[in-house]
Amino acid sequence: MDYNQLSDIAILQQIGAFVKHHRMNQQKSQEQLSTAAGISRSTLSLLERGEKVNLITLIQVLRVLDQLAWLAEFEVQKTISPIEYIKLQKKHERQRIRNSDIAADNPPSEW
């Protein structure tokens, strides 16, 4: 499904359907889930109908349903640009050369 083509309301409805689907698969009533999540039953009902709710409410509900794995999509992977990589290589080479020069100037003492 191309979520870019959906309206915000349609996306909220998709999220609500997701929550309801998983709640029912786990054979939990709205009362059971809302109590476990620390929210009111009416708030859960709003969420399942695709109404606007707080993001923290969604997180609390998904935590109880053990459905937080999708948050991995929000993980920011640190990457290094090619230019930064070259700079780091040059810096490392300069340090290696400098250290080898020092070693050549000060040979190990012989006892």
PDB file of N, CA and C in Angstrom:
ATOM      1  N   MET A   1       0.845  -1.176   0.000  1.00  0.00           N
ATOM      2  CA  MET A   1       0.000   0.000   0.000  1.00  0.00           C
ATOM      3  C   MET A   1       0.894   1.245   0.000  1.00  0.00           C
ATOM      4  N   ASP A   2       0.572   2.198  -0.829  1.00  0.00           N
ATOM      5  CA  ASP A   2       1.338   3.435  -0.903  1.00  0.00           C
ATOM      6  C   ASP A   2       0.729   4.452   0.057  1.00  0.00           C
ATOM      7  N   TYR A   3       1.346   4.564   1.222  1.00  0.00           N
ATOM      8  CA  TYR A   3       0.827   5.468   2.253  1.00  0.00           C
ATOM      9  C   TYR A   3       0.961   6.929   1.855  1.00  0.00           C
ATOM     10  N   ASN A   4       1.829   7.232   0.920  1.00  0.00           N
ATOM     11  CA  ASN A   4       1.957   8.614   0.452  1.00  0.00           C
ATOM     12  C   ASN A   4       0.701   9.082  -0.276  1.00  0.00           C
ATOM     13  N   GLN A   5      -0.055   8.143  -0.813  1.00  0.00           N
ATOM     14  CA  GLN A   5      -1.274   8.486  -1.547  1.00  0.00           C
ATOM     15  C   GLN A   5      -2.491   8.634  -0.630  1.00  0.00           C
ATOM     16  N   LEU A   6      -2.361   8.177   0.633  1.00  0.00           N
ATOM     17  CA  LEU A   6      -3.488   8.227   1.562  1.00  0.00           C
ATOM     18  C   LEU A   6      -3.576   9.568   2.268  1.00  0.00           C
ATOM     19  N   SER A   7      -4.777   9.950   2.621  1.00  0.00           N
ATOM     20  CA  SER A   7      -4.960  11.153   3.427  1.00  0.00           C
ATOM     21  C   SER A   7      -4.558  10.843   4.864  1.00  0.00           C
ATOM     22  N   ASP A   8      -4.377  11.873   5.658  1.00  0.00           N
ATOM     23  CA  ASP A   8      -4.030  11.685   7.068  1.00  0.00           C
ATOM     24  C   ASP A   8      -5.118  10.891   7.785  1.00  0.00           C
ATOM     25  N   ILE A   9      -6.362  11.177   7.468  1.00  0.00           N
ATOM     26  CA  ILE A   9      -7.473  10.471   8.107  1.00  0.00           C
ATOM     27  C   ILE A   9      -7.459   8.997   7.724  1.00  0.00           C
ATOM     28  N   ALA A  10      -7.164   8.699   6.471  1.00  0.00           N
ATOM     29  CA  ALA A  10      -7.093   7.304   6.027  1.00  0.00           C
ATOM     30  C   ALA A  10      -5.965   6.563   6.739  1.00  0.00           C
ATOM     31  N   ILE A  11      -4.845   7.236   6.966  1.00  0.00           N
ATOM     32  CA  ILE A  11      -3.734   6.621   7.692  1.00  0.00           C
ATOM     33  C   ILE A  11      -4.135   6.354   9.140  1.00  0.00           C
ATOM     34  N   LEU A  12      -4.823   7.310   9.763  1.00  0.00           N
ATOM     35  CA  LEU A  12      -5.305   7.097  11.130  1.00  0.00           C
ATOM     36  C   LEU A  12      -6.247   5.900  11.192  1.00  0.00           C
ATOM     37  N   GLN A  13      -7.070   5.744  10.185  1.00  0.00           N
ATOM     38  CA  GLN A  13      -7.988   4.603  10.141  1.00  0.00           C
ATOM     39  C   GLN A  13      -7.220   3.291   9.977  1.00  0.00           C
ATOM     40  N   GLN A  14      -6.150   3.303   9.190  1.00  0.00           N
ATOM     41  CA  GLN A  14      -5.304   2.117   9.034  1.00  0.00           C
ATOM     42  C   GLN A  14      -4.680   1.741  10.381  1.00  0.00           C
ATOM     43  N   ILE A  15      -4.191   2.737  11.103  1.00  0.00           N
ATOM     44  CA  ILE A  15      -3.588   2.487  12.413  1.00  0.00           C
ATOM     45  C   ILE A  15      -4.635   1.920  13.367  1.00  0.00           C
ATOM     46  N   GLY A  16      -5.822   2.507  13.353  1.00  0.00           N
ATOM     47  CA  GLY A  16      -6.899   2.013  14.204  1.00  0.00           C
ATOM     48  C   GLY A  16      -7.256   0.574  13.891  1.00  0.00           C
ATOM     49  N   ALA A  17      -7.329   0.248  12.611  1.00  0.00           N
ATOM     50  CA  ALA A  17      -7.637  -1.124  12.197  1.00  0.00           C
ATOM     51  C   ALA A  17      -6.536  -2.082  12.642  1.00  0.00           C
ATOM     52  N   PHE A  18      -5.295  -1.634  12.583  1.00  0.00           N
ATOM     53  CA  PHE A  18      -4.146  -2.432  13.035  1.00  0.00           C
ATOM     54  C   PHE A  18      -4.283  -2.750  14.524  1.00  0.00           C
ATOM     55  N   VAL A  19      -4.567  -1.726  15.313  1.00  0.00           N
ATOM     56  CA  VAL A  19      -4.714  -1.902  16.760  1.00  0.00           C
ATOM     57  C   VAL A  19      -5.861  -2.859  17.063  1.00  0.00           C
ATOM     58  N   LYS A  20      -6.992  -2.631  16.436  1.00  0.00           N
ATOM     59  CA  LYS A  20      -8.160  -3.471  16.682  1.00  0.00           C
ATOM     60  C   LYS A  20      -7.881  -4.916  16.284  1.00  0.00           C
ATOM     61  N   HIS A  21      -7.257  -5.103  15.140  1.00  0.00           N
ATOM     62  CA  HIS A  21      -6.925  -6.446  14.655  1.00  0.00           C
ATOM     63  C   HIS A  21      -6.076  -7.201  15.686  1.00  0.00           C
ATOM     64  N   HIS A  22      -5.027  -6.554  16.173  1.00  0.00           N
ATOM     65  CA  HIS A  22      -4.125  -7.217  17.116  1.00  0.00           C
ATOM     66  C   HIS A  22      -4.778  -7.412  18.483  1.00  0.00           C
ATOM     67  N   ARG A  23      -5.616  -6.485  18.878  1.00  0.00           N
ATOM     68  CA  ARG A  23      -6.350  -6.650  20.146  1.00  0.00           C
ATOM     69  C   ARG A  23      -7.246  -7.880  20.063  1.00  0.00           C
ATOM     70  N   MET A  24      -7.967  -7.994  18.970  1.00  0.00           N
ATOM     71  CA  MET A  24      -8.895  -9.115  18.818  1.00  0.00           C
ATOM     72  C   MET A  24      -8.148 -10.447  18.652  1.00  0.00           C
ATOM     73  N   ASN A  25      -7.026 -10.433  17.951  1.00  0.00           N
ATOM     74  CA  ASN A  25      -6.221 -11.654  17.810  1.00  0.00           C
ATOM     75  C   ASN A  25      -5.715 -12.139  19.160  1.00  0.00           C
ATOM     76  N   GLN A  26      -5.466 -11.200  20.070  1.00  0.00           N
ATOM     77  CA  GLN A  26      -5.004 -11.560  21.404  1.00  0.00           C
ATOM     78  C   GLN A  26      -6.173 -11.802  22.359  1.00  0.00           C
ATOM     79  N   GLN A  27      -7.365 -11.764  21.803  1.00  0.00           N
ATOM     80  CA  GLN A  27      -8.600 -12.010  22.555  1.00  0.00           C
ATOM     81  C   GLN A  27      -8.702 -11.125  23.797  1.00  0.00           C
ATOM     82  N   LYS A  28      -8.433  -9.835  23.589  1.00  0.00           N
ATOM     83  CA  LYS A  28      -8.546  -8.859  24.668  1.00  0.00           C
ATOM     84  C   LYS A  28      -9.731  -7.955  24.374  1.00  0.00           C
ATOM     85  N   SER A  29     -10.437  -7.617  25.409  1.00  0.00           N
ATOM     86  CA  SER A  29     -11.522  -6.653  25.254  1.00  0.00           C
ATOM     87  C   SER A  29     -10.926  -5.245  25.271  1.00  0.00           C
ATOM     88  N   GLN A  30     -11.702  -4.283  24.842  1.00  0.00           N
ATOM     89  CA  GLN A  30     -11.235  -2.900  24.915  1.00  0.00           C
ATOM     90  C   GLN A  30     -10.941  -2.530  26.364  1.00  0.00           C
ATOM     91  N   GLU A  31     -11.753  -3.005  27.271  1.00  0.00           N
ATOM     92  CA  GLU A  31     -11.561  -2.704  28.693  1.00  0.00           C
ATOM     93  C   GLU A  31     -10.233  -3.278  29.199  1.00  0.00           C
ATOM     94  N   GLN A  32      -9.937  -4.510  28.840  1.00  0.00           N
ATOM     95  CA  GLN A  32      -8.685  -5.141  29.267  1.00  0.00           C
ATOM     96  C   GLN A  32      -7.469  -4.400  28.706  1.00  0.00           C
ATOM     97  N   LEU A  33      -7.514  -4.108  27.419  1.00  0.00           N
ATOM     98  CA  LEU A  33      -6.380  -3.433  26.783  1.00  0.00           C
ATOM     99  C   LEU A  33      -6.196  -2.028  27.316  1.00  0.00           C
ATOM    100  N   SER A  34      -7.285  -1.295  27.450  1.00  0.00           N
ATOM    101  CA  SER A  34      -7.166   0.093  27.922  1.00  0.00           C
ATOM    102  C   SER A  34      -6.652   0.138  29.360  1.00  0.00           C
ATOM    103  N   THR A  35      -7.098  -0.781  30.191  1.00  0.00           N
ATOM    104  CA  THR A  35      -6.613  -0.827  31.576  1.00  0.00           C
ATOM    105  C   THR A  35      -5.123  -1.139  31.603  1.00  0.00           C
ATOM    106  N   ALA A  36      -4.700  -2.130  30.826  1.00  0.00           N
ATOM    107  CA  ALA A  36      -3.283  -2.502  30.778  1.00  0.00           C
ATOM    108  C   ALA A  36      -2.421  -1.360  30.230  1.00  0.00           C
ATOM    109  N   ALA A  37      -2.967  -0.581  29.309  1.00  0.00           N
ATOM    110  CA  ALA A  37      -2.221   0.526  28.698  1.00  0.00           C
ATOM    111  C   ALA A  37      -2.286   1.803  29.539  1.00  0.00           C
ATOM    112  N   GLY A  38      -3.175   1.819  30.520  1.00  0.00           N
ATOM    113  CA  GLY A  38      -3.287   3.007  31.375  1.00  0.00           C
ATOM    114  C   GLY A  38      -4.054   4.143  30.724  1.00  0.00           C
ATOM    115  N   ILE A  39      -4.997   3.790  29.871  1.00  0.00           N
ATOM    116  CA  ILE A  39      -5.824   4.808  29.211  1.00  0.00           C
ATOM    117  C   ILE A  39      -7.292   4.447  29.428  1.00  0.00           C
ATOM    118  N   SER A  40      -8.163   5.355  29.080  1.00  0.00           N
ATOM    119  CA  SER A  40      -9.584   5.051  29.224  1.00  0.00           C
ATOM    120  C   SER A  40     -10.065   4.203  28.048  1.00  0.00           C
ATOM    121  N   ARG A  41     -11.150   3.480  28.259  1.00  0.00           N
ATOM    122  CA  ARG A  41     -11.719   2.669  27.196  1.00  0.00           C
ATOM    123  C   ARG A  41     -12.189   3.539  26.046  1.00  0.00           C
ATOM    124  N   SER A  42     -12.719   4.716  26.359  1.00  0.00           N
ATOM    125  CA  SER A  42     -13.193   5.609  25.299  1.00  0.00           C
ATOM    126  C   SER A  42     -12.034   6.112  24.432  1.00  0.00           C
ATOM    127  N   THR A  43     -10.863   6.311  25.029  1.00  0.00           N
ATOM    128  CA  THR A  43      -9.689   6.734  24.249  1.00  0.00           C
ATOM    129  C   THR A  43      -9.258   5.611  23.308  1.00  0.00           C
ATOM    130  N   LEU A  44      -9.281   4.384  23.800  1.00  0.00           N
ATOM    131  CA  LEU A  44      -8.948   3.247  22.940  1.00  0.00           C
ATOM    132  C   LEU A  44      -9.951   3.130  21.802  1.00  0.00           C
ATOM    133  N   SER A  45     -11.211   3.355  22.110  1.00  0.00           N
ATOM    134  CA  SER A  45     -12.247   3.303  21.088  1.00  0.00           C
ATOM    135  C   SER A  45     -11.994   4.364  20.017  1.00  0.00           C
ATOM    136  N   LEU A  46     -11.606   5.555  20.430  1.00  0.00           N
ATOM    137  CA  LEU A  46     -11.263   6.621  19.474  1.00  0.00           C
ATOM    138  C   LEU A  46     -10.109   6.172  18.572  1.00  0.00           C
ATOM    139  N   LEU A  47      -9.085   5.598  19.179  1.00  0.00           N
ATOM    140  CA  LEU A  47      -7.918   5.135  18.429  1.00  0.00           C
ATOM    141  C   LEU A  47      -8.326   4.089  17.394  1.00  0.00           C
ATOM    142  N   GLU A  48      -9.125   3.130  17.799  1.00  0.00           N
ATOM    143  CA  GLU A  48      -9.541   2.065  16.883  1.00  0.00           C
ATOM    144  C   GLU A  48     -10.440   2.577  15.760  1.00  0.00           C
ATOM    145  N   ARG A  49     -11.134   3.669  15.997  1.00  0.00           N
ATOM    146  CA  ARG A  49     -11.994   4.245  14.949  1.00  0.00           C
ATOM    147  C   ARG A  49     -11.221   5.190  14.029  1.00  0.00           C
ATOM    148  N   GLY A  50      -9.955   5.404  14.316  1.00  0.00           N
ATOM    149  CA  GLY A  50      -9.151   6.272  13.469  1.00  0.00           C
ATOM    150  C   GLY A  50      -9.273   7.739  13.805  1.00  0.00           C
ATOM    151  N   GLU A  51      -9.677   8.012  15.030  1.00  0.00           N
ATOM    152  CA  GLU A  51      -9.763   9.401  15.482  1.00  0.00           C
ATOM    153  C   GLU A  51      -8.390   9.849  15.984  1.00  0.00           C
ATOM    154  N   LYS A  52      -8.230  11.143  16.160  1.00  0.00           N
ATOM    155  CA  LYS A  52      -6.959  11.683  16.637  1.00  0.00           C
ATOM    156  C   LYS A  52      -6.786  11.386  18.124  1.00  0.00           C
ATOM    157  N   VAL A  53      -5.625  10.836  18.457  1.00  0.00           N
ATOM    158  CA  VAL A  53      -5.238  10.601  19.846  1.00  0.00           C
ATOM    159  C   VAL A  53      -3.772  11.001  19.981  1.00  0.00           C
ATOM    160  N   ASN A  54      -3.313  11.109  21.206  1.00  0.00           N
ATOM    161  CA  ASN A  54      -1.908  11.455  21.442  1.00  0.00           C
ATOM    162  C   ASN A  54      -0.996  10.318  20.988  1.00  0.00           C
ATOM    163  N   LEU A  55       0.179  10.680  20.563  1.00  0.00           N
ATOM    164  CA  LEU A  55       1.161   9.687  20.155  1.00  0.00           C
ATOM    165  C   LEU A  55       1.523   8.768  21.320  1.00  0.00           C
ATOM    166  N   ILE A  56       1.605   9.318  22.518  1.00  0.00           N
ATOM    167  CA  ILE A  56       1.943   8.500  23.687  1.00  0.00           C
ATOM    168  C   ILE A  56       0.868   7.435  23.907  1.00  0.00           C
ATOM    169  N   THR A  57      -0.371   7.758  23.605  1.00  0.00           N
ATOM    170  CA  THR A  57      -1.455   6.782  23.728  1.00  0.00           C
ATOM    171  C   THR A  57      -1.215   5.613  22.787  1.00  0.00           C
ATOM    172  N   LEU A  58      -0.855   5.918  21.563  1.00  0.00           N
ATOM    173  CA  LEU A  58      -0.570   4.861  20.586  1.00  0.00           C
ATOM    174  C   LEU A  58       0.578   3.988  21.071  1.00  0.00           C
ATOM    175  N   ILE A  59       1.629   4.596  21.575  1.00  0.00           N
ATOM    176  CA  ILE A  59       2.788   3.848  22.056  1.00  0.00           C
ATOM    177  C   ILE A  59       2.399   2.937  23.214  1.00  0.00           C
ATOM    178  N   GLN A  60       1.609   3.462  24.149  1.00  0.00           N
ATOM    179  CA  GLN A  60       1.179   2.656  25.293  1.00  0.00           C
ATOM    180  C   GLN A  60       0.378   1.434  24.835  1.00  0.00           C
ATOM    181  N   VAL A  61      -0.508   1.638  23.895  1.00  0.00           N
ATOM    182  CA  VAL A  61      -1.341   0.544  23.397  1.00  0.00           C
ATOM    183  C   VAL A  61      -0.489  -0.471  22.643  1.00  0.00           C
ATOM    184  N   LEU A  62       0.380   0.001  21.773  1.00  0.00           N
ATOM    185  CA  LEU A  62       1.227  -0.919  21.008  1.00  0.00           C
ATOM    186  C   LEU A  62       2.176  -1.699  21.915  1.00  0.00           C
ATOM    187  N   ARG A  63       2.620  -1.079  22.999  1.00  0.00           N
ATOM    188  CA  ARG A  63       3.492  -1.775  23.952  1.00  0.00           C
ATOM    189  C   ARG A  63       2.743  -2.964  24.572  1.00  0.00           C
ATOM    190  N   VAL A  64       1.512  -2.723  25.004  1.00  0.00           N
ATOM    191  CA  VAL A  64       0.717  -3.801  25.600  1.00  0.00           C
ATOM    192  C   VAL A  64       0.449  -4.903  24.581  1.00  0.00           C
ATOM    193  N   LEU A  65       0.250  -4.523  23.336  1.00  0.00           N
ATOM    194  CA  LEU A  65      -0.009  -5.510  22.281  1.00  0.00           C
ATOM    195  C   LEU A  65       1.279  -6.165  21.767  1.00  0.00           C
ATOM    196  N   ASP A  66       2.425  -5.748  22.298  1.00  0.00           N
ATOM    197  CA  ASP A  66       3.728  -6.250  21.861  1.00  0.00           C
ATOM    198  C   ASP A  66       3.928  -6.011  20.362  1.00  0.00           C
ATOM    199  N   GLN A  67       3.628  -4.788  19.935  1.00  0.00           N
ATOM    200  CA  GLN A  67       3.721  -4.424  18.522  1.00  0.00           C
ATOM    201  C   GLN A  67       4.620  -3.205  18.306  1.00  0.00           C
ATOM    202  N   LEU A  68       5.675  -3.069  19.100  1.00  0.00           N
ATOM    203  CA  LEU A  68       6.571  -1.926  18.946  1.00  0.00           C
ATOM    204  C   LEU A  68       7.709  -2.175  17.951  1.00  0.00           C
ATOM    205  N   ALA A  69       7.766  -3.349  17.372  1.00  0.00           N
ATOM    206  CA  ALA A  69       8.867  -3.678  16.459  1.00  0.00           C
ATOM    207  C   ALA A  69       8.937  -2.730  15.268  1.00  0.00           C
ATOM    208  N   TRP A  70       7.819  -2.191  14.838  1.00  0.00           N
ATOM    209  CA  TRP A  70       7.822  -1.296  13.677  1.00  0.00           C
ATOM    210  C   TRP A  70       8.598  -0.012  13.957  1.00  0.00           C
ATOM    211  N   LEU A  71       8.888   0.274  15.229  1.00  0.00           N
ATOM    212  CA  LEU A  71       9.672   1.471  15.550  1.00  0.00           C
ATOM    213  C   LEU A  71      11.104   1.381  15.020  1.00  0.00           C
ATOM    214  N   ALA A  72      11.536   0.194  14.673  1.00  0.00           N
ATOM    215  CA  ALA A  72      12.871   0.034  14.101  1.00  0.00           C
ATOM    216  C   ALA A  72      13.024   0.862  12.825  1.00  0.00           C
ATOM    217  N   GLU A  73      11.920   1.119  12.149  1.00  0.00           N
ATOM    218  CA  GLU A  73      11.960   1.950  10.939  1.00  0.00           C
ATOM    219  C   GLU A  73      12.393   3.382  11.235  1.00  0.00           C
ATOM    220  N   PHE A  74      12.248   3.805  12.475  1.00  0.00           N
ATOM    221  CA  PHE A  74      12.616   5.163  12.860  1.00  0.00           C
ATOM    222  C   PHE A  74      14.055   5.269  13.353  1.00  0.00           C
ATOM    223  N   GLU A  75      14.747   4.154  13.432  1.00  0.00           N
ATOM    224  CA  GLU A  75      16.114   4.154  13.908  1.00  0.00           C
ATOM    225  C   GLU A  75      17.015   4.845  12.891  1.00  0.00           C
ATOM    226  N   VAL A  76      17.801   5.782  13.365  1.00  0.00           N
ATOM    227  CA  VAL A  76      18.704   6.515  12.484  1.00  0.00           C
ATOM    228  C   VAL A  76      20.049   5.803  12.475  1.00  0.00           C
ATOM    229  N   GLN A  77      20.459   5.395  11.296  1.00  0.00           N
ATOM    230  CA  GLN A  77      21.741   4.724  11.139  1.00  0.00           C
ATOM    231  C   GLN A  77      22.799   5.774  10.848  1.00  0.00           C
ATOM    232  N   LYS A  78      23.829   5.795  11.675  1.00  0.00           N
ATOM    233  CA  LYS A  78      24.897   6.749  11.454  1.00  0.00           C
ATOM    234  C   LYS A  78      25.742   6.277  10.277  1.00  0.00           C
ATOM    235  N   THR A  79      25.866   7.141   9.311  1.00  0.00           N
ATOM    236  CA  THR A  79      26.685   6.827   8.149  1.00  0.00           C
ATOM    237  C   THR A  79      27.752   7.898   8.007  1.00  0.00           C
ATOM    238  N   ILE A  80      28.779   7.566   7.300  1.00  0.00           N
ATOM    239  CA  ILE A  80      29.861   8.513   7.080  1.00  0.00           C
ATOM    240  C   ILE A  80      29.900   8.821   5.585  1.00  0.00           C
ATOM    241  N   SER A  81      30.020  10.088   5.278  1.00  0.00           N
ATOM    242  CA  SER A  81      30.057  10.470   3.871  1.00  0.00           C
ATOM    243  C   SER A  81      31.413  10.087   3.286  1.00  0.00           C
ATOM    244  N   PRO A  82      31.480   9.934   1.981  1.00  0.00           N
ATOM    245  CA  PRO A  82      32.767   9.594   1.355  1.00  0.00           C
ATOM    246  C   PRO A  82      33.855  10.637   1.645  1.00  0.00           C
ATOM    247  N   ILE A  83      33.476  11.886   1.702  1.00  0.00           N
ATOM    248  CA  ILE A  83      34.467  12.941   1.981  1.00  0.00           C
ATOM    249  C   ILE A  83      34.986  12.806   3.408  1.00  0.00           C
ATOM    250  N   GLU A  84      34.092  12.560   4.368  1.00  0.00           N
ATOM    251  CA  GLU A  84      34.531  12.369   5.754  1.00  0.00           C
ATOM    252  C   GLU A  84      35.435  11.150   5.869  1.00  0.00           C
ATOM    253  N   TYR A  85      35.116  10.102   5.115  1.00  0.00           N
ATOM    254  CA  TYR A  85      35.924   8.887   5.140  1.00  0.00           C
ATOM    255  C   TYR A  85      37.344   9.168   4.644  1.00  0.00           C
ATOM    256  N   ILE A  86      37.463   9.914   3.562  1.00  0.00           N
ATOM    257  CA  ILE A  86      38.786  10.262   3.019  1.00  0.00           C
ATOM    258  C   ILE A  86      39.558  11.111   4.020  1.00  0.00           C
ATOM    259  N   LYS A  87      38.881  12.070   4.652  1.00  0.00           N
ATOM    260  CA  LYS A  87      39.544  12.909   5.655  1.00  0.00           C
ATOM    261  C   LYS A  87      40.058  12.067   6.807  1.00  0.00           C
ATOM    262  N   LEU A  88      39.268  11.122   7.258  1.00  0.00           N
ATOM    263  CA  LEU A  88      39.705  10.253   8.352  1.00  0.00           C
ATOM    264  C   LEU A  88      40.890   9.394   7.933  1.00  0.00           C
ATOM    265  N   GLN A  89      40.887   8.912   6.691  1.00  0.00           N
ATOM    266  CA  GLN A  89      42.012   8.116   6.208  1.00  0.00           C
ATOM    267  C   GLN A  89      43.285   8.949   6.173  1.00  0.00           C
ATOM    268  N   LYS A  90      43.185  10.181   5.681  1.00  0.00           N
ATOM    269  CA  LYS A  90      44.362  11.055   5.599  1.00  0.00           C
ATOM    270  C   LYS A  90      44.880  11.382   6.989  1.00  0.00           C
ATOM    271  N   LYS A  91      43.984  11.640   7.927  1.00  0.00           N
ATOM    272  CA  LYS A  91      44.383  11.948   9.298  1.00  0.00           C
ATOM    273  C   LYS A  91      45.097  10.749   9.903  1.00  0.00           C
ATOM    274  N   HIS A  92      44.579   9.566   9.655  1.00  0.00           N
ATOM    275  CA  HIS A  92      45.186   8.342  10.178  1.00  0.00           C
ATOM    276  C   HIS A  92      46.576   8.135   9.566  1.00  0.00           C
ATOM    277  N   GLU A  93      46.726   8.394   8.259  1.00  0.00           N
ATOM    278  CA  GLU A  93      48.020   8.243   7.597  1.00  0.00           C
ATOM    279  C   GLU A  93      49.033   9.221   8.166  1.00  0.00           C
ATOM    280  N   ARG A  94      48.597  10.463   8.409  1.00  0.00           N
ATOM    281  CA  ARG A  94      49.512  11.465   8.968  1.00  0.00           C
ATOM    282  C   ARG A  94      49.976  11.051  10.356  1.00  0.00           C
ATOM    283  N   GLN A  95      49.081  10.533  11.153  1.00  0.00           N
ATOM    284  CA  GLN A  95      49.469  10.104  12.489  1.00  0.00           C
ATOM    285  C   GLN A  95      50.448   8.939  12.415  1.00  0.00           C
ATOM    286  N   ARG A  96      50.235   8.014  11.500  1.00  0.00           N
ATOM    287  CA  ARG A  96      51.128   6.871  11.354  1.00  0.00           C
ATOM    288  C   ARG A  96      52.514   7.328  10.926  1.00  0.00           C
ATOM    289  N   ILE A  97      52.587   8.252   9.983  1.00  0.00           N
ATOM    290  CA  ILE A  97      53.867   8.749   9.491  1.00  0.00           C
ATOM    291  C   ILE A  97      54.604   9.465  10.613  1.00  0.00           C
ATOM    292  N   ARG A  98      53.884  10.313  11.344  1.00  0.00           N
ATOM    293  CA  ARG A  98      54.486  11.064  12.429  1.00  0.00           C
ATOM    294  C   ARG A  98      55.050  10.111  13.480  1.00  0.00           C
ATOM    295  N   ASN A  99      54.313   9.078  13.813  1.00  0.00           N
ATOM    296  CA  ASN A  99      54.779   8.121  14.812  1.00  0.00           C
ATOM    297  C   ASN A  99      55.988   7.339  14.318  1.00  0.00           C
ATOM    298  N   SER A 100      56.039   7.023  13.031  1.00  0.00           N
ATOM    299  CA  SER A 100      57.191   6.283  12.513  1.00  0.00           C
ATOM    300  C   SER A 100      58.420   7.182  12.459  1.00  0.00           C
ATOM    301  N   ASP A 101      58.247   8.498  12.213  1.00  0.00           N
ATOM    302  CA  ASP A 101      59.369   9.439  12.227  1.00  0.00           C
ATOM    303  C   ASP A 101      59.977   9.509  13.613  1.00  0.00           C
ATOM    304  N   ILE A 102      59.132   9.549  14.618  1.00  0.00           N
ATOM    305  CA  ILE A 102      59.615   9.623  15.996  1.00  0.00           C
ATOM    306  C   ILE A 102      60.400   8.355  16.327  1.00  0.00           C
ATOM    307  N   ALA A 103      59.888   7.228  15.873  1.00  0.00           N
ATOM    308  CA  ALA A 103      60.563   5.955  16.150  1.00  0.00           C
ATOM    309  C   ALA A 103      61.932   5.915  15.463  1.00  0.00           C
ATOM    310  N   ALA A 104      62.070   6.505  14.272  1.00  0.00           N
ATOM    311  CA  ALA A 104      63.338   6.513  13.549  1.00  0.00           C
ATOM    312  C   ALA A 104      64.341   7.430  14.236  1.00  0.00           C
ATOM    313  N   ASP A 105      63.885   8.541  14.817  1.00  0.00           N
ATOM    314  CA  ASP A 105      64.762   9.487  15.482  1.00  0.00           C
ATOM    315  C   ASP A 105      65.258   8.941  16.826  1.00  0.00           C
ATOM    316  N   ASN A 106      64.497   8.130  17.459  1.00  0.00           N
ATOM    317  CA  ASN A 106      64.850   7.578  18.777  1.00  0.00           C
ATOM    318  C   ASN A 106      64.917   6.067  18.718  1.00  0.00           C
ATOM    319  N   PRO A 107      66.015   5.541  18.234  1.00  0.00           N
ATOM    320  CA  PRO A 107      66.118   4.077  18.172  1.00  0.00           C
ATOM    321  C   PRO A 107      66.134   3.500  19.606  1.00  0.00           C
ATOM    322  N   PRO A 108      65.708   2.293  19.766  1.00  0.00           N
ATOM    323  CA  PRO A 108      65.705   1.715  21.111  1.00  0.00           C
ATOM    324  C   PRO A 108      67.106   1.659  21.669  1.00  0.00           C
ATOM    325  N   SER A 109      67.223   1.946  22.928  1.00  0.00           N
ATOM    326  CA  SER A 109      68.552   1.945  23.562  1.00  0.00           C
ATOM    327  C   SER A 109      69.014   0.512  23.769  1.00  0.00           C
ATOM    328  N   GLU A 110      70.302   0.352  23.655  1.00  0.00           N
ATOM    329  CA  GLU A 110      70.885  -0.981  23.843  1.00  0.00           C
ATOM    330  C   GLU A 110      71.556  -1.003  25.209  1.00  0.00           C
ATOM    331  N   TRP A 111      71.373  -1.988  25.910  1.00  0.00           N
ATOM    332  CA  TRP A 111      71.949  -2.100  27.261  1.00  0.00           C
ATOM    333  C   TRP A 111      73.273  -2.745  27.209  1.00  0.00           C
TER     334      TRP A 111
END
